[in-house]
Amino acid sequence: MEQTTSHNCTETLRNMRQQIALANAQQMLGKITVNCFRKCIDNPGKSLARAEERCLLQCMDRFMDSLKVVSLTYSRRLVRERK
């Protein structure tokens, strides 16, 4: 019985972590969308100009590159602190 309860707690924690990670990813995508749209789109219309498309791609690439650096740095820090 005790082993089942422990397994249920572990599974619940894993599910909660996944839900939090998904919520964080959705929030990040929303921020990228808003920030890059504000930066790159001057006059919204039915289609994007080539310059707007390029700007959006570069903006999103920079944001993702920055996120990767921050995530790696944070992960390394957590590993160091656990030692």
PDB file of N, CA and C in Angstrom:
ATOM      1  N   MET A   1       0.827  -1.201   0.000  1.00  0.00           N
ATOM      2  CA  MET A   1       0.000   0.000   0.000  1.00  0.00           C
ATOM      3  C   MET A   1       0.863   1.254   0.000  1.00  0.00           C
ATOM      4  N   GLU A   2       1.885   1.259   0.863  1.00  0.00           N
ATOM      5  CA  GLU A   2       2.754   2.425   0.981  1.00  0.00           C
ATOM      6  C   GLU A   2       3.509   2.686  -0.328  1.00  0.00           C
ATOM      7  N   GLN A   3       3.913   1.614  -0.996  1.00  0.00           N
ATOM      8  CA  GLN A   3       4.631   1.739  -2.264  1.00  0.00           C
ATOM      9  C   GLN A   3       3.722   2.343  -3.333  1.00  0.00           C
ATOM     10  N   THR A   4       2.452   1.957  -3.342  1.00  0.00           N
ATOM     11  CA  THR A   4       1.486   2.497  -4.291  1.00  0.00           C
ATOM     12  C   THR A   4       1.278   3.981  -4.055  1.00  0.00           C
ATOM     13  N   THR A   5       1.168   4.384  -2.805  1.00  0.00           N
ATOM     14  CA  THR A   5       0.998   5.789  -2.460  1.00  0.00           C
ATOM     15  C   THR A   5       2.211   6.598  -2.895  1.00  0.00           C
ATOM     16  N   SER A   6       3.394   6.068  -2.667  1.00  0.00           N
ATOM     17  CA  SER A   6       4.624   6.739  -3.076  1.00  0.00           C
ATOM     18  C   SER A   6       4.671   6.885  -4.588  1.00  0.00           C
ATOM     19  N   HIS A   7       4.295   5.837  -5.296  1.00  0.00           N
ATOM     20  CA  HIS A   7       4.276   5.879  -6.763  1.00  0.00           C
ATOM     21  C   HIS A   7       3.273   6.920  -7.247  1.00  0.00           C
ATOM     22  N   ASN A   8       2.097   6.988  -6.617  1.00  0.00           N
ATOM     23  CA  ASN A   8       1.077   7.963  -6.998  1.00  0.00           C
ATOM     24  C   ASN A   8       1.567   9.393  -6.790  1.00  0.00           C
ATOM     25  N   CYS A   9       2.263   9.624  -5.684  1.00  0.00           N
ATOM     26  CA  CYS A   9       2.811  10.958  -5.410  1.00  0.00           C
ATOM     27  C   CYS A   9       3.857  11.336  -6.450  1.00  0.00           C
ATOM     28  N   THR A  10       4.719  10.381  -6.760  1.00  0.00           N
ATOM     29  CA  THR A  10       5.755  10.624  -7.758  1.00  0.00           C
ATOM     30  C   THR A  10       5.130  10.935  -9.107  1.00  0.00           C
ATOM     31  N   GLU A  11       4.126  10.169  -9.482  1.00  0.00           N
ATOM     32  CA  GLU A  11       3.436  10.372 -10.761  1.00  0.00           C
ATOM     33  C   GLU A  11       2.718  11.717 -10.783  1.00  0.00           C
ATOM     34  N   THR A  12       2.092  12.078  -9.682  1.00  0.00           N
ATOM     35  CA  THR A  12       1.401  13.363  -9.591  1.00  0.00           C
ATOM     36  C   THR A  12       2.391  14.515  -9.729  1.00  0.00           C
ATOM     37  N   LEU A  13       3.524  14.421  -9.052  1.00  0.00           N
ATOM     38  CA  LEU A  13       4.555  15.462  -9.157  1.00  0.00           C
ATOM     39  C   LEU A  13       5.076  15.571 -10.587  1.00  0.00           C
ATOM     40  N   ARG A  14       5.284  14.442 -11.244  1.00  0.00           N
ATOM     41  CA  ARG A  14       5.767  14.445 -12.620  1.00  0.00           C
ATOM     42  C   ARG A  14       4.747  15.130 -13.532  1.00  0.00           C
ATOM     43  N   ASN A  15       3.480  14.811 -13.347  1.00  0.00           N
ATOM     44  CA  ASN A  15       2.429  15.438 -14.149  1.00  0.00           C
ATOM     45  C   ASN A  15       2.346  16.935 -13.904  1.00  0.00           C
ATOM     46  N   MET A  16       2.485  17.331 -12.655  1.00  0.00           N
ATOM     47  CA  MET A  16       2.448  18.763 -12.322  1.00  0.00           C
ATOM     48  C   MET A  16       3.610  19.496 -12.974  1.00  0.00           C
ATOM     49  N   ARG A  17       4.803  18.896 -12.934  1.00  0.00           N
ATOM     50  CA  ARG A  17       5.968  19.515 -13.569  1.00  0.00           C
ATOM     51  C   ARG A  17       5.764  19.666 -15.065  1.00  0.00           C
ATOM     52  N   GLN A  18       5.171  18.662 -15.696  1.00  0.00           N
ATOM     53  CA  GLN A  18       4.899  18.737 -17.129  1.00  0.00           C
ATOM     54  C   GLN A  18       3.895  19.840 -17.440  1.00  0.00           C
ATOM     55  N   GLN A  19       2.874  19.966 -16.620  1.00  0.00           N
ATOM     56  CA  GLN A  19       1.874  21.008 -16.826  1.00  0.00           C
ATOM     57  C   GLN A  19       2.473  22.393 -16.645  1.00  0.00           C
ATOM     58  N   ILE A  20       3.340  22.539 -15.648  1.00  0.00           N
ATOM     59  CA  ILE A  20       4.012  23.819 -15.426  1.00  0.00           C
ATOM     60  C   ILE A  20       4.926  24.148 -16.596  1.00  0.00           C
ATOM     61  N   ALA A  21       5.660  23.149 -17.084  1.00  0.00           N
ATOM     62  CA  ALA A  21       6.550  23.369 -18.234  1.00  0.00           C
ATOM     63  C   ALA A  21       5.747  23.777 -19.464  1.00  0.00           C
ATOM     64  N   LEU A  22       4.603  23.146 -19.684  1.00  0.00           N
ATOM     65  CA  LEU A  22       3.752  23.496 -20.813  1.00  0.00           C
ATOM     66  C   LEU A  22       3.214  24.918 -20.674  1.00  0.00           C
ATOM     67  N   ALA A  23       2.768  25.271 -19.489  1.00  0.00           N
ATOM     68  CA  ALA A  23       2.267  26.632 -19.250  1.00  0.00           C
ATOM     69  C   ALA A  23       3.368  27.660 -19.474  1.00  0.00           C
ATOM     70  N   ASN A  24       4.581  27.358 -19.020  1.00  0.00           N
ATOM     71  CA  ASN A  24       5.705  28.273 -19.234  1.00  0.00           C
ATOM     72  C   ASN A  24       6.021  28.421 -20.712  1.00  0.00           C
ATOM     73  N   ALA A  25       5.972  27.325 -21.454  1.00  0.00           N
ATOM     74  CA  ALA A  25       6.238  27.377 -22.893  1.00  0.00           C
ATOM     75  C   ALA A  25       5.175  28.205 -23.608  1.00  0.00           C
ATOM     76  N   GLN A  26       3.929  28.041 -23.213  1.00  0.00           N
ATOM     77  CA  GLN A  26       2.845  28.817 -23.820  1.00  0.00           C
ATOM     78  C   GLN A  26       2.991  30.309 -23.507  1.00  0.00           C
ATOM     79  N   GLN A  27       3.373  30.608 -22.285  1.00  0.00           N
ATOM     80  CA  GLN A  27       3.574  31.997 -21.886  1.00  0.00           C
ATOM     81  C   GLN A  27       4.731  32.604 -22.671  1.00  0.00           C
ATOM     82  N   MET A  28       5.818  31.845 -22.822  1.00  0.00           N
ATOM     83  CA  MET A  28       6.975  32.326 -23.571  1.00  0.00           C
ATOM     84  C   MET A  28       6.603  32.578 -25.030  1.00  0.00           C
ATOM     85  N   LEU A  29       5.851  31.670 -25.639  1.00  0.00           N
ATOM     86  CA  LEU A  29       5.443  31.844 -27.021  1.00  0.00           C
ATOM     87  C   LEU A  29       4.586  33.095 -27.170  1.00  0.00           C
ATOM     88  N   GLY A  30       3.719  33.339 -26.201  1.00  0.00           N
ATOM     89  CA  GLY A  30       2.904  34.556 -26.225  1.00  0.00           C
ATOM     90  C   GLY A  30       3.758  35.809 -26.155  1.00  0.00           C
ATOM     91  N   LYS A  31       4.772  35.786 -25.306  1.00  0.00           N
ATOM     92  CA  LYS A  31       5.666  36.948 -25.180  1.00  0.00           C
ATOM     93  C   LYS A  31       6.450  37.175 -26.463  1.00  0.00           C
ATOM     94  N   ILE A  32       6.943  36.083 -27.063  1.00  0.00           N
ATOM     95  CA  ILE A  32       7.684  36.213 -28.318  1.00  0.00           C
ATOM     96  C   ILE A  32       6.787  36.844 -29.375  1.00  0.00           C
ATOM     97  N   THR A  33       5.575  36.329 -29.471  1.00  0.00           N
ATOM     98  CA  THR A  33       4.636  36.820 -30.480  1.00  0.00           C
ATOM     99  C   THR A  33       4.366  38.307 -30.306  1.00  0.00           C
ATOM    100  N   VAL A  34       4.050  38.717 -29.098  1.00  0.00           N
ATOM    101  CA  VAL A  34       3.731  40.122 -28.839  1.00  0.00           C
ATOM    102  C   VAL A  34       4.947  41.018 -29.081  1.00  0.00           C
ATOM    103  N   ASN A  35       6.090  40.635 -28.522  1.00  0.00           N
ATOM    104  CA  ASN A  35       7.283  41.478 -28.665  1.00  0.00           C
ATOM    105  C   ASN A  35       7.742  41.605 -30.108  1.00  0.00           C
ATOM    106  N   CYS A  36       7.785  40.486 -30.812  1.00  0.00           N
ATOM    107  CA  CYS A  36       8.250  40.528 -32.195  1.00  0.00           C
ATOM    108  C   CYS A  36       7.237  41.243 -33.097  1.00  0.00           C
ATOM    109  N   PHE A  37       5.954  41.062 -32.837  1.00  0.00           N
ATOM    110  CA  PHE A  37       4.933  41.760 -33.621  1.00  0.00           C
ATOM    111  C   PHE A  37       5.084  43.274 -33.451  1.00  0.00           C
ATOM    112  N   ARG A  38       5.227  43.710 -32.204  1.00  0.00           N
ATOM    113  CA  ARG A  38       5.379  45.150 -31.946  1.00  0.00           C
ATOM    114  C   ARG A  38       6.628  45.707 -32.618  1.00  0.00           C
ATOM    115  N   LYS A  39       7.694  44.919 -32.611  1.00  0.00           N
ATOM    116  CA  LYS A  39       8.966  45.381 -33.166  1.00  0.00           C
ATOM    117  C   LYS A  39       8.946  45.405 -34.691  1.00  0.00           C
ATOM    118  N   CYS A  40       8.294  44.431 -35.299  1.00  0.00           N
ATOM    119  CA  CYS A  40       8.456  44.214 -36.736  1.00  0.00           C
ATOM    120  C   CYS A  40       7.294  44.666 -37.616  1.00  0.00           C
ATOM    121  N   ILE A  41       6.109  44.760 -37.083  1.00  0.00           N
ATOM    122  CA  ILE A  41       4.945  45.051 -37.912  1.00  0.00           C
ATOM    123  C   ILE A  41       4.494  46.485 -37.671  1.00  0.00           C
ATOM    124  N   ASP A  42       4.717  47.329 -38.674  1.00  0.00           N
ATOM    125  CA  ASP A  42       4.335  48.738 -38.548  1.00  0.00           C
ATOM    126  C   ASP A  42       2.850  48.949 -38.848  1.00  0.00           C
ATOM    127  N   ASN A  43       2.395  48.409 -39.963  1.00  0.00           N
ATOM    128  CA  ASN A  43       1.005  48.582 -40.390  1.00  0.00           C
ATOM    129  C   ASN A  43       0.405  47.219 -40.711  1.00  0.00           C
ATOM    130  N   PRO A  44      -0.270  46.600 -39.748  1.00  0.00           N
ATOM    131  CA  PRO A  44      -0.849  45.276 -40.011  1.00  0.00           C
ATOM    132  C   PRO A  44      -1.790  45.318 -41.216  1.00  0.00           C
ATOM    133  N   GLY A  45      -1.701  44.295 -42.018  1.00  0.00           N
ATOM    134  CA  GLY A  45      -2.553  44.192 -43.202  1.00  0.00           C
ATOM    135  C   GLY A  45      -2.878  42.738 -43.477  1.00  0.00           C
ATOM    136  N   LYS A  46      -3.255  42.468 -44.719  1.00  0.00           N
ATOM    137  CA  LYS A  46      -3.642  41.113 -45.097  1.00  0.00           C
ATOM    138  C   LYS A  46      -2.446  40.204 -45.297  1.00  0.00           C
ATOM    139  N   SER A  47      -1.284  40.780 -45.544  1.00  0.00           N
ATOM    140  CA  SER A  47      -0.083  39.978 -45.744  1.00  0.00           C
ATOM    141  C   SER A  47       1.125  40.724 -45.184  1.00  0.00           C
ATOM    142  N   LEU A  48       2.225  39.992 -45.055  1.00  0.00           N
ATOM    143  CA  LEU A  48       3.456  40.576 -44.531  1.00  0.00           C
ATOM    144  C   LEU A  48       4.372  40.984 -45.681  1.00  0.00           C
ATOM    145  N   ALA A  49       5.035  42.099 -45.496  1.00  0.00           N
ATOM    146  CA  ALA A  49       6.074  42.488 -46.437  1.00  0.00           C
ATOM    147  C   ALA A  49       7.299  41.617 -46.186  1.00  0.00           C
ATOM    148  N   ARG A  50       8.155  41.481 -47.174  1.00  0.00           N
ATOM    149  CA  ARG A  50       9.360  40.656 -47.007  1.00  0.00           C
ATOM    150  C   ARG A  50      10.206  41.136 -45.831  1.00  0.00           C
ATOM    151  N   ALA A  51      10.329  42.437 -45.676  1.00  0.00           N
ATOM    152  CA  ALA A  51      11.126  42.980 -44.573  1.00  0.00           C
ATOM    153  C   ALA A  51      10.513  42.602 -43.224  1.00  0.00           C
ATOM    154  N   GLU A  52       9.185  42.592 -43.154  1.00  0.00           N
ATOM    155  CA  GLU A  52       8.508  42.203 -41.915  1.00  0.00           C
ATOM    156  C   GLU A  52       8.733  40.720 -41.620  1.00  0.00           C
ATOM    157  N   GLU A  53       8.662  39.890 -42.655  1.00  0.00           N
ATOM    158  CA  GLU A  53       8.920  38.464 -42.480  1.00  0.00           C
ATOM    159  C   GLU A  53      10.330  38.224 -41.962  1.00  0.00           C
ATOM    160  N   ARG A  54      11.302  38.894 -42.582  1.00  0.00           N
ATOM    161  CA  ARG A  54      12.699  38.750 -42.149  1.00  0.00           C
ATOM    162  C   ARG A  54      12.867  39.203 -40.719  1.00  0.00           C
ATOM    163  N   CYS A  55      12.272  40.328 -40.404  1.00  0.00           N
ATOM    164  CA  CYS A  55      12.367  40.868 -39.044  1.00  0.00           C
ATOM    165  C   CYS A  55      11.777  39.886 -38.032  1.00  0.00           C
ATOM    166  N   LEU A  56      10.611  39.330 -38.337  1.00  0.00           N
ATOM    167  CA  LEU A  56       9.980  38.363 -37.425  1.00  0.00           C
ATOM    168  C   LEU A  56      10.849  37.134 -37.223  1.00  0.00           C
ATOM    169  N   LEU A  57      11.402  36.611 -38.317  1.00  0.00           N
ATOM    170  CA  LEU A  57      12.265  35.435 -38.210  1.00  0.00           C
ATOM    171  C   LEU A  57      13.499  35.721 -37.367  1.00  0.00           C
ATOM    172  N   GLN A  58      14.133  36.858 -37.620  1.00  0.00           N
ATOM    173  CA  GLN A  58      15.332  37.219 -36.854  1.00  0.00           C
ATOM    174  C   GLN A  58      14.991  37.470 -35.394  1.00  0.00           C
ATOM    175  N   CYS A  59      13.880  38.119 -35.142  1.00  0.00           N
ATOM    176  CA  CYS A  59      13.453  38.408 -33.771  1.00  0.00           C
ATOM    177  C   CYS A  59      13.221  37.110 -33.004  1.00  0.00           C
ATOM    178  N   MET A  60      12.507  36.186 -33.618  1.00  0.00           N
ATOM    179  CA  MET A  60      12.220  34.917 -32.956  1.00  0.00           C
ATOM    180  C   MET A  60      13.494  34.104 -32.769  1.00  0.00           C
ATOM    181  N   ASP A  61      14.379  34.117 -33.758  1.00  0.00           N
ATOM    182  CA  ASP A  61      15.659  33.401 -33.635  1.00  0.00           C
ATOM    183  C   ASP A  61      16.489  33.950 -32.482  1.00  0.00           C
ATOM    184  N   ARG A  62      16.569  35.269 -32.382  1.00  0.00           N
ATOM    185  CA  ARG A  62      17.337  35.883 -31.289  1.00  0.00           C
ATOM    186  C   ARG A  62      16.735  35.529 -29.936  1.00  0.00           C
ATOM    187  N   PHE A  63      15.426  35.566 -29.848  1.00  0.00           N
ATOM    188  CA  PHE A  63      14.758  35.241 -28.595  1.00  0.00           C
ATOM    189  C   PHE A  63      15.036  33.793 -28.200  1.00  0.00           C
ATOM    190  N   MET A  64      14.935  32.887 -29.166  1.00  0.00           N
ATOM    191  CA  MET A  64      15.178  31.471 -28.878  1.00  0.00           C
ATOM    192  C   MET A  64      16.646  31.217 -28.521  1.00  0.00           C
ATOM    193  N   ASP A  65      17.563  31.888 -29.211  1.00  0.00           N
ATOM    194  CA  ASP A  65      18.988  31.753 -28.873  1.00  0.00           C
ATOM    195  C   ASP A  65      19.249  32.244 -27.453  1.00  0.00           C
ATOM    196  N   SER A  66      18.652  33.362 -27.103  1.00  0.00           N
ATOM    197  CA  SER A  66      18.815  33.903 -25.750  1.00  0.00           C
ATOM    198  C   SER A  66      18.252  32.949 -24.715  1.00  0.00           C
ATOM    199  N   LEU A  67      17.097  32.392 -25.011  1.00  0.00           N
ATOM    200  CA  LEU A  67      16.471  31.443 -24.090  1.00  0.00           C
ATOM    201  C   LEU A  67      17.357  30.216 -23.903  1.00  0.00           C
ATOM    202  N   LYS A  68      17.964  29.749 -24.980  1.00  0.00           N
ATOM    203  CA  LYS A  68      18.844  28.587 -24.898  1.00  0.00           C
ATOM    204  C   LYS A  68      20.035  28.865 -23.989  1.00  0.00           C
ATOM    205  N   VAL A  69      20.642  30.039 -24.122  1.00  0.00           N
ATOM    206  CA  VAL A  69      21.790  30.410 -23.288  1.00  0.00           C
ATOM    207  C   VAL A  69      21.376  30.480 -21.818  1.00  0.00           C
ATOM    208  N   VAL A  70      20.255  31.123 -21.559  1.00  0.00           N
ATOM    209  CA  VAL A  70      19.771  31.263 -20.184  1.00  0.00           C
ATOM    210  C   VAL A  70      19.459  29.887 -19.592  1.00  0.00           C
ATOM    211  N   SER A  71      18.801  29.031 -20.360  1.00  0.00           N
ATOM    212  CA  SER A  71      18.443  27.696 -19.873  1.00  0.00           C
ATOM    213  C   SER A  71      19.675  26.859 -19.560  1.00  0.00           C
ATOM    214  N   LEU A  72      20.657  26.885 -20.458  1.00  0.00           N
ATOM    215  CA  LEU A  72      21.886  26.125 -20.218  1.00  0.00           C
ATOM    216  C   LEU A  72      22.620  26.630 -18.982  1.00  0.00           C
ATOM    217  N   THR A  73      22.706  27.937 -18.852  1.00  0.00           N
ATOM    218  CA  THR A  73      23.374  28.525 -17.693  1.00  0.00           C
ATOM    219  C   THR A  73      22.655  28.141 -16.405  1.00  0.00           C
ATOM    220  N   TYR A  74      21.344  28.209 -16.421  1.00  0.00           N
ATOM    221  CA  TYR A  74      20.553  27.858 -15.246  1.00  0.00           C
ATOM    222  C   TYR A  74      20.719  26.382 -14.896  1.00  0.00           C
ATOM    223  N   SER A  75      20.687  25.515 -15.906  1.00  0.00           N
ATOM    224  CA  SER A  75      20.849  24.077 -15.677  1.00  0.00           C
ATOM    225  C   SER A  75      22.211  23.771 -15.062  1.00  0.00           C
ATOM    226  N   ARG A  76      23.245  24.387 -15.589  1.00  0.00           N
ATOM    227  CA  ARG A  76      24.592  24.178 -15.045  1.00  0.00           C
ATOM    228  C   ARG A  76      24.678  24.649 -13.604  1.00  0.00           C
ATOM    229  N   ARG A  77      24.034  25.758 -13.336  1.00  0.00           N
ATOM    230  CA  ARG A  77      24.038  26.287 -11.972  1.00  0.00           C
ATOM    231  C   ARG A  77      23.343  25.333 -11.013  1.00  0.00           C
ATOM    232  N   LEU A  78      22.221  24.761 -11.446  1.00  0.00           N
ATOM    233  CA  LEU A  78      21.507  23.797 -10.597  1.00  0.00           C
ATOM    234  C   LEU A  78      22.364  22.578 -10.324  1.00  0.00           C
ATOM    235  N   VAL A  79      23.074  22.101 -11.335  1.00  0.00           N
ATOM    236  CA  VAL A  79      23.944  20.935 -11.164  1.00  0.00           C
ATOM    237  C   VAL A  79      25.043  21.254 -10.173  1.00  0.00           C
ATOM    238  N   ARG A  80      25.667  22.433 -10.293  1.00  0.00           N
ATOM    239  CA  ARG A  80      26.724  22.836  -9.357  1.00  0.00           C
ATOM    240  C   ARG A  80      26.209  22.923  -7.932  1.00  0.00           C
ATOM    241  N   GLU A  81      25.012  23.474  -7.755  1.00  0.00           N
ATOM    242  CA  GLU A  81      24.468  23.655  -6.414  1.00  0.00           C
ATOM    243  C   GLU A  81      24.071  22.343  -5.761  1.00  0.00           C
ATOM    244  N   ARG A  82      23.778  21.324  -6.550  1.00  0.00           N
ATOM    245  CA  ARG A  82      23.376  20.027  -6.001  1.00  0.00           C
ATOM    246  C   ARG A  82      24.575  19.237  -5.501  1.00  0.00           C
ATOM    247  N   LYS A  83      25.772  19.600  -5.953  1.00  0.00           N
ATOM    248  CA  LYS A  83      26.993  18.876  -5.539  1.00  0.00           C
ATOM    249  C   LYS A  83      27.398  19.211  -4.141  1.00  0.00           C
TER     250      LYS A  83
END
